[in-house]
Amino acid sequence: MRAVIQRVSGAEVCISGRVSGAIGHGLVVFLGIHRDDDDHDAQWMADKLVRLRIFDDSGGRMNLSLLDTKGEMLIVSQFTLLADCRKGRRPSWAAAAAPDTAQALYRQLIAAVGRHGVRTATGEFQACMDVSLVNNGPVTIILDSRDNL
């Protein structure tokens, strides 16, 4: 799993002009699922996301996690994060998981984050979405479960 994480003061995702999910203070997670990802990747990513210390403490240092700050998480599926642009001008999506597999793992990640007590909101799998956010910091981080192997 590959995630682009943004620390936000607020965010929402809209589908056909309708708000599908919205959060206040927390993290927006754009999630791409690799064809070789499995349950272990979903659990590893969930644990990492909720415990990543990227929120400021009282001294202004990034020392607090989403759990510490009681933040929320907006999780948006985004297969384009698995794009391979090394050859030619058209990206290859060969590394992305098949839709059925990806959707199952996406739901597993959402459930795993929820088990930590984090309020989650989502987009809609395979939908065309408009995502609006206010990046706080700005703080943007890339995580890849394959780096944990």
C-alpha atoms as a PDB file:
ATOM      1  CA  MET A   1       0.000   0.000   0.000  1.00  0.00           C
ATOM      2  CA  ARG A   2       1.173   3.443  -0.844  1.00  0.00           C
ATOM      3  CA  ALA A   3      -0.261   6.433   0.993  1.00  0.00           C
ATOM      4  CA  VAL A   4       0.147  10.155   0.567  1.00  0.00           C
ATOM      5  CA  ILE A   5      -0.761  11.681   3.921  1.00  0.00           C
ATOM      6  CA  GLN A   6      -1.588  15.312   4.514  1.00  0.00           C
ATOM      7  CA  ARG A   7      -2.078  16.861   7.941  1.00  0.00           C
ATOM      8  CA  VAL A   8      -5.172  19.022   7.642  1.00  0.00           C
ATOM      9  CA  SER A   9      -7.303  21.454   9.578  1.00  0.00           C
ATOM     10  CA  GLY A  10     -10.286  20.295   7.518  1.00  0.00           C
ATOM     11  CA  ALA A  11     -11.184  18.338   4.381  1.00  0.00           C
ATOM     12  CA  GLU A  12     -14.092  16.983   2.380  1.00  0.00           C
ATOM     13  CA  VAL A  13     -14.711  14.767  -0.610  1.00  0.00           C
ATOM     14  CA  CYS A  14     -17.601  15.388  -3.008  1.00  0.00           C
ATOM     15  CA  ILE A  15     -19.120  13.105  -5.627  1.00  0.00           C
ATOM     16  CA  SER A  16     -21.426  14.687  -8.211  1.00  0.00           C
ATOM     17  CA  GLY A  17     -21.737  17.788  -6.032  1.00  0.00           C
ATOM     18  CA  ARG A  18     -22.689  15.805  -2.899  1.00  0.00           C
ATOM     19  CA  VAL A  19     -20.415  15.639   0.157  1.00  0.00           C
ATOM     20  CA  SER A  20     -19.480  11.999   0.649  1.00  0.00           C
ATOM     21  CA  GLY A  21     -17.210  12.503   3.648  1.00  0.00           C
ATOM     22  CA  ALA A  22     -15.774  15.350   5.688  1.00  0.00           C
ATOM     23  CA  ILE A  23     -13.427  15.782   8.644  1.00  0.00           C
ATOM     24  CA  GLY A  24     -12.066  18.532  10.819  1.00  0.00           C
ATOM     25  CA  HIS A  25      -8.550  18.366  12.285  1.00  0.00           C
ATOM     26  CA  GLY A  26      -6.694  15.233  11.257  1.00  0.00           C
ATOM     27  CA  LEU A  27      -5.255  13.417   8.262  1.00  0.00           C
ATOM     28  CA  VAL A  28      -6.256  13.004   4.649  1.00  0.00           C
ATOM     29  CA  VAL A  29      -4.936   9.708   3.317  1.00  0.00           C
ATOM     30  CA  PHE A  30      -4.800   9.094  -0.428  1.00  0.00           C
ATOM     31  CA  LEU A  31      -4.373   5.323  -0.716  1.00  0.00           C
ATOM     32  CA  GLY A  32      -3.080   3.230  -3.597  1.00  0.00           C
ATOM     33  CA  ILE A  33      -3.200  -0.560  -3.273  1.00  0.00           C
ATOM     34  CA  HIS A  34      -0.495  -2.698  -4.900  1.00  0.00           C
ATOM     35  CA  ARG A  35      -1.335  -6.008  -6.593  1.00  0.00           C
ATOM     36  CA  ASP A  36       0.789  -7.866  -3.978  1.00  0.00           C
ATOM     37  CA  ASP A  37      -0.767  -6.192  -0.915  1.00  0.00           C
ATOM     38  CA  ASP A  38      -2.586  -8.314   1.648  1.00  0.00           C
ATOM     39  CA  ASP A  39      -4.159  -8.155   5.128  1.00  0.00           C
ATOM     40  CA  HIS A  40      -0.743  -7.571   6.713  1.00  0.00           C
ATOM     41  CA  ASP A  41      -0.222  -4.431   4.607  1.00  0.00           C
ATOM     42  CA  ALA A  42      -3.632  -3.053   5.628  1.00  0.00           C
ATOM     43  CA  GLN A  43      -2.966  -3.635   9.330  1.00  0.00           C
ATOM     44  CA  TRP A  44       0.576  -2.224   9.141  1.00  0.00           C
ATOM     45  CA  MET A  45      -0.669   0.900   7.343  1.00  0.00           C
ATOM     46  CA  ALA A  46      -3.525   1.474   9.803  1.00  0.00           C
ATOM     47  CA  ASP A  47      -1.225   1.133  12.812  1.00  0.00           C
ATOM     48  CA  LYS A  48       1.349   3.458  11.256  1.00  0.00           C
ATOM     49  CA  LEU A  49      -1.222   6.106  10.283  1.00  0.00           C
ATOM     50  CA  VAL A  50      -2.831   6.439  13.698  1.00  0.00           C
ATOM     51  CA  ARG A  51       0.503   6.476  15.557  1.00  0.00           C
ATOM     52  CA  LEU A  52       2.591   8.644  13.231  1.00  0.00           C
ATOM     53  CA  ARG A  53       3.830  11.552  15.368  1.00  0.00           C
ATOM     54  CA  ILE A  54       3.280  14.497  13.015  1.00  0.00           C
ATOM     55  CA  PHE A  55       1.127  16.821  15.126  1.00  0.00           C
ATOM     56  CA  ASP A  56       2.614  19.624  17.205  1.00  0.00           C
ATOM     57  CA  ASP A  57       2.930  19.352  20.964  1.00  0.00           C
ATOM     58  CA  SER A  58       2.737  22.393  23.258  1.00  0.00           C
ATOM     59  CA  GLY A  59       6.364  23.202  22.416  1.00  0.00           C
ATOM     60  CA  GLY A  60       5.677  23.295  18.678  1.00  0.00           C
ATOM     61  CA  ARG A  61       7.482  20.016  17.944  1.00  0.00           C
ATOM     62  CA  MET A  62       5.952  17.245  15.860  1.00  0.00           C
ATOM     63  CA  ASN A  63       5.574  14.834  18.725  1.00  0.00           C
ATOM     64  CA  LEU A  64       1.894  13.832  18.838  1.00  0.00           C
ATOM     65  CA  SER A  65      -0.093  11.239  16.904  1.00  0.00           C
ATOM     66  CA  LEU A  66      -3.625  11.257  15.560  1.00  0.00           C
ATOM     67  CA  LEU A  67      -4.589   9.189  18.617  1.00  0.00           C
ATOM     68  CA  ASP A  68      -3.009  11.762  20.946  1.00  0.00           C
ATOM     69  CA  THR A  69      -4.823  14.677  19.320  1.00  0.00           C
ATOM     70  CA  LYS A  70      -8.150  12.852  18.848  1.00  0.00           C
ATOM     71  CA  GLY A  71      -8.033  13.764  15.163  1.00  0.00           C
ATOM     72  CA  GLU A  72     -10.093  12.341  12.341  1.00  0.00           C
ATOM     73  CA  MET A  73      -9.108  10.633   9.096  1.00  0.00           C
ATOM     74  CA  LEU A  74     -10.443  10.987   5.546  1.00  0.00           C
ATOM     75  CA  ILE A  75      -9.390   7.981   3.459  1.00  0.00           C
ATOM     76  CA  VAL A  76      -9.627   8.274  -0.328  1.00  0.00           C
ATOM     77  CA  SER A  77      -8.769   5.409  -2.689  1.00  0.00           C
ATOM     78  CA  GLN A  78      -6.432   6.499  -5.470  1.00  0.00           C
ATOM     79  CA  PHE A  79      -5.034   3.801  -7.748  1.00  0.00           C
ATOM     80  CA  THR A  80      -3.009   6.442  -9.641  1.00  0.00           C
ATOM     81  CA  LEU A  81      -0.482   6.391  -6.773  1.00  0.00           C
ATOM     82  CA  LEU A  82       0.756   3.105  -8.275  1.00  0.00           C
ATOM     83  CA  ALA A  83       1.513   4.703 -11.649  1.00  0.00           C
ATOM     84  CA  ASP A  84       4.755   3.655 -13.334  1.00  0.00           C
ATOM     85  CA  CYS A  85       5.946   6.536 -15.516  1.00  0.00           C
ATOM     86  CA  ARG A  86       9.422   5.250 -16.313  1.00  0.00           C
ATOM     87  CA  LYS A  87       8.674   4.447 -19.955  1.00  0.00           C
ATOM     88  CA  GLY A  88       6.872   6.530 -22.526  1.00  0.00           C
ATOM     89  CA  ARG A  89       4.321   9.186 -21.739  1.00  0.00           C
ATOM     90  CA  ARG A  90       1.350   7.082 -20.647  1.00  0.00           C
ATOM     91  CA  PRO A  91       1.530   5.698 -17.103  1.00  0.00           C
ATOM     92  CA  SER A  92       1.282   1.972 -16.564  1.00  0.00           C
ATOM     93  CA  TRP A  93      -1.146   0.745 -13.908  1.00  0.00           C
ATOM     94  CA  ALA A  94       0.189  -2.830 -13.898  1.00  0.00           C
ATOM     95  CA  ALA A  95       1.264  -2.578 -10.245  1.00  0.00           C
ATOM     96  CA  ALA A  96      -2.223  -1.611  -9.027  1.00  0.00           C
ATOM     97  CA  ALA A  97      -4.409  -4.282  -7.484  1.00  0.00           C
ATOM     98  CA  ALA A  98      -7.473  -5.539  -9.342  1.00  0.00           C
ATOM     99  CA  PRO A  99     -10.575  -3.560  -8.309  1.00  0.00           C
ATOM    100  CA  ASP A 100     -12.194  -6.360  -6.241  1.00  0.00           C
ATOM    101  CA  THR A 101      -8.990  -7.020  -4.302  1.00  0.00           C
ATOM    102  CA  ALA A 102      -8.267  -3.317  -3.863  1.00  0.00           C
ATOM    103  CA  GLN A 103     -11.759  -2.564  -2.591  1.00  0.00           C
ATOM    104  CA  ALA A 104     -11.586  -5.366  -0.027  1.00  0.00           C
ATOM    105  CA  LEU A 105      -8.217  -4.131   1.278  1.00  0.00           C
ATOM    106  CA  TYR A 106      -9.445  -0.519   1.280  1.00  0.00           C
ATOM    107  CA  ARG A 107     -12.355  -1.574   3.489  1.00  0.00           C
ATOM    108  CA  GLN A 108     -10.003  -3.557   5.739  1.00  0.00           C
ATOM    109  CA  LEU A 109      -7.833  -0.475   6.252  1.00  0.00           C
ATOM    110  CA  ILE A 110     -10.875   1.677   7.090  1.00  0.00           C
ATOM    111  CA  ALA A 111     -12.066  -0.918   9.620  1.00  0.00           C
ATOM    112  CA  ALA A 112      -8.584  -1.244  11.162  1.00  0.00           C
ATOM    113  CA  VAL A 113      -8.324   2.539  11.632  1.00  0.00           C
ATOM    114  CA  GLY A 114     -11.805   2.551  13.165  1.00  0.00           C
ATOM    115  CA  ARG A 115     -10.810  -0.149  15.667  1.00  0.00           C
ATOM    116  CA  HIS A 116      -8.286   2.362  17.045  1.00  0.00           C
ATOM    117  CA  GLY A 117     -11.216   4.639  17.896  1.00  0.00           C
ATOM    118  CA  VAL A 118     -10.481   7.122  15.104  1.00  0.00           C
ATOM    119  CA  ARG A 119     -13.497   8.677  13.394  1.00  0.00           C
ATOM    120  CA  THR A 120     -13.117   8.016   9.670  1.00  0.00           C
ATOM    121  CA  ALA A 121     -14.747   9.423   6.582  1.00  0.00           C
ATOM    122  CA  THR A 122     -14.260   8.141   3.055  1.00  0.00           C
ATOM    123  CA  GLY A 123     -14.707   8.800  -0.572  1.00  0.00           C
ATOM    124  CA  GLU A 124     -16.370   6.221  -2.796  1.00  0.00           C
ATOM    125  CA  PHE A 125     -14.308   3.442  -4.330  1.00  0.00           C
ATOM    126  CA  GLN A 126     -13.852   3.901  -8.126  1.00  0.00           C
ATOM    127  CA  ALA A 127     -15.835   7.160  -8.178  1.00  0.00           C
ATOM    128  CA  CYS A 128     -14.700  10.435  -9.724  1.00  0.00           C
ATOM    129  CA  MET A 129     -14.232  12.639  -6.655  1.00  0.00           C
ATOM    130  CA  ASP A 130     -13.434  16.248  -5.833  1.00  0.00           C
ATOM    131  CA  VAL A 131     -11.276  16.487  -2.717  1.00  0.00           C
ATOM    132  CA  SER A 132     -10.883  19.797  -0.903  1.00  0.00           C
ATOM    133  CA  LEU A 133      -8.504  20.205   2.004  1.00  0.00           C
ATOM    134  CA  VAL A 134      -6.558  22.724   4.016  1.00  0.00           C
ATOM    135  CA  ASN A 135      -3.055  21.314   4.448  1.00  0.00           C
ATOM    136  CA  ASN A 136      -1.848  22.354   7.888  1.00  0.00           C
ATOM    137  CA  GLY A 137       1.859  23.110   8.068  1.00  0.00           C
ATOM    138  CA  PRO A 138       2.067  22.153   5.248  1.00  0.00           C
ATOM    139  CA  VAL A 139       2.808  18.575   6.203  1.00  0.00           C
ATOM    140  CA  THR A 140       2.759  15.905   3.484  1.00  0.00           C
ATOM    141  CA  ILE A 141       4.296  12.455   3.942  1.00  0.00           C
ATOM    142  CA  ILE A 142       4.530   9.368   1.748  1.00  0.00           C
ATOM    143  CA  LEU A 143       4.291   5.905   3.302  1.00  0.00           C
ATOM    144  CA  ASP A 144       4.686   2.585   1.509  1.00  0.00           C
ATOM    145  CA  SER A 145       4.064  -0.735   3.229  1.00  0.00           C
ATOM    146  CA  ARG A 146       6.569  -2.342   0.835  1.00  0.00           C
ATOM    147  CA  ASP A 147       9.312  -0.361   2.609  1.00  0.00           C
ATOM    148  CA  ASN A 148       8.508  -2.373   5.743  1.00  0.00           C
ATOM    149  CA  LEU A 149       9.419  -5.725   4.174  1.00  0.00           C
END
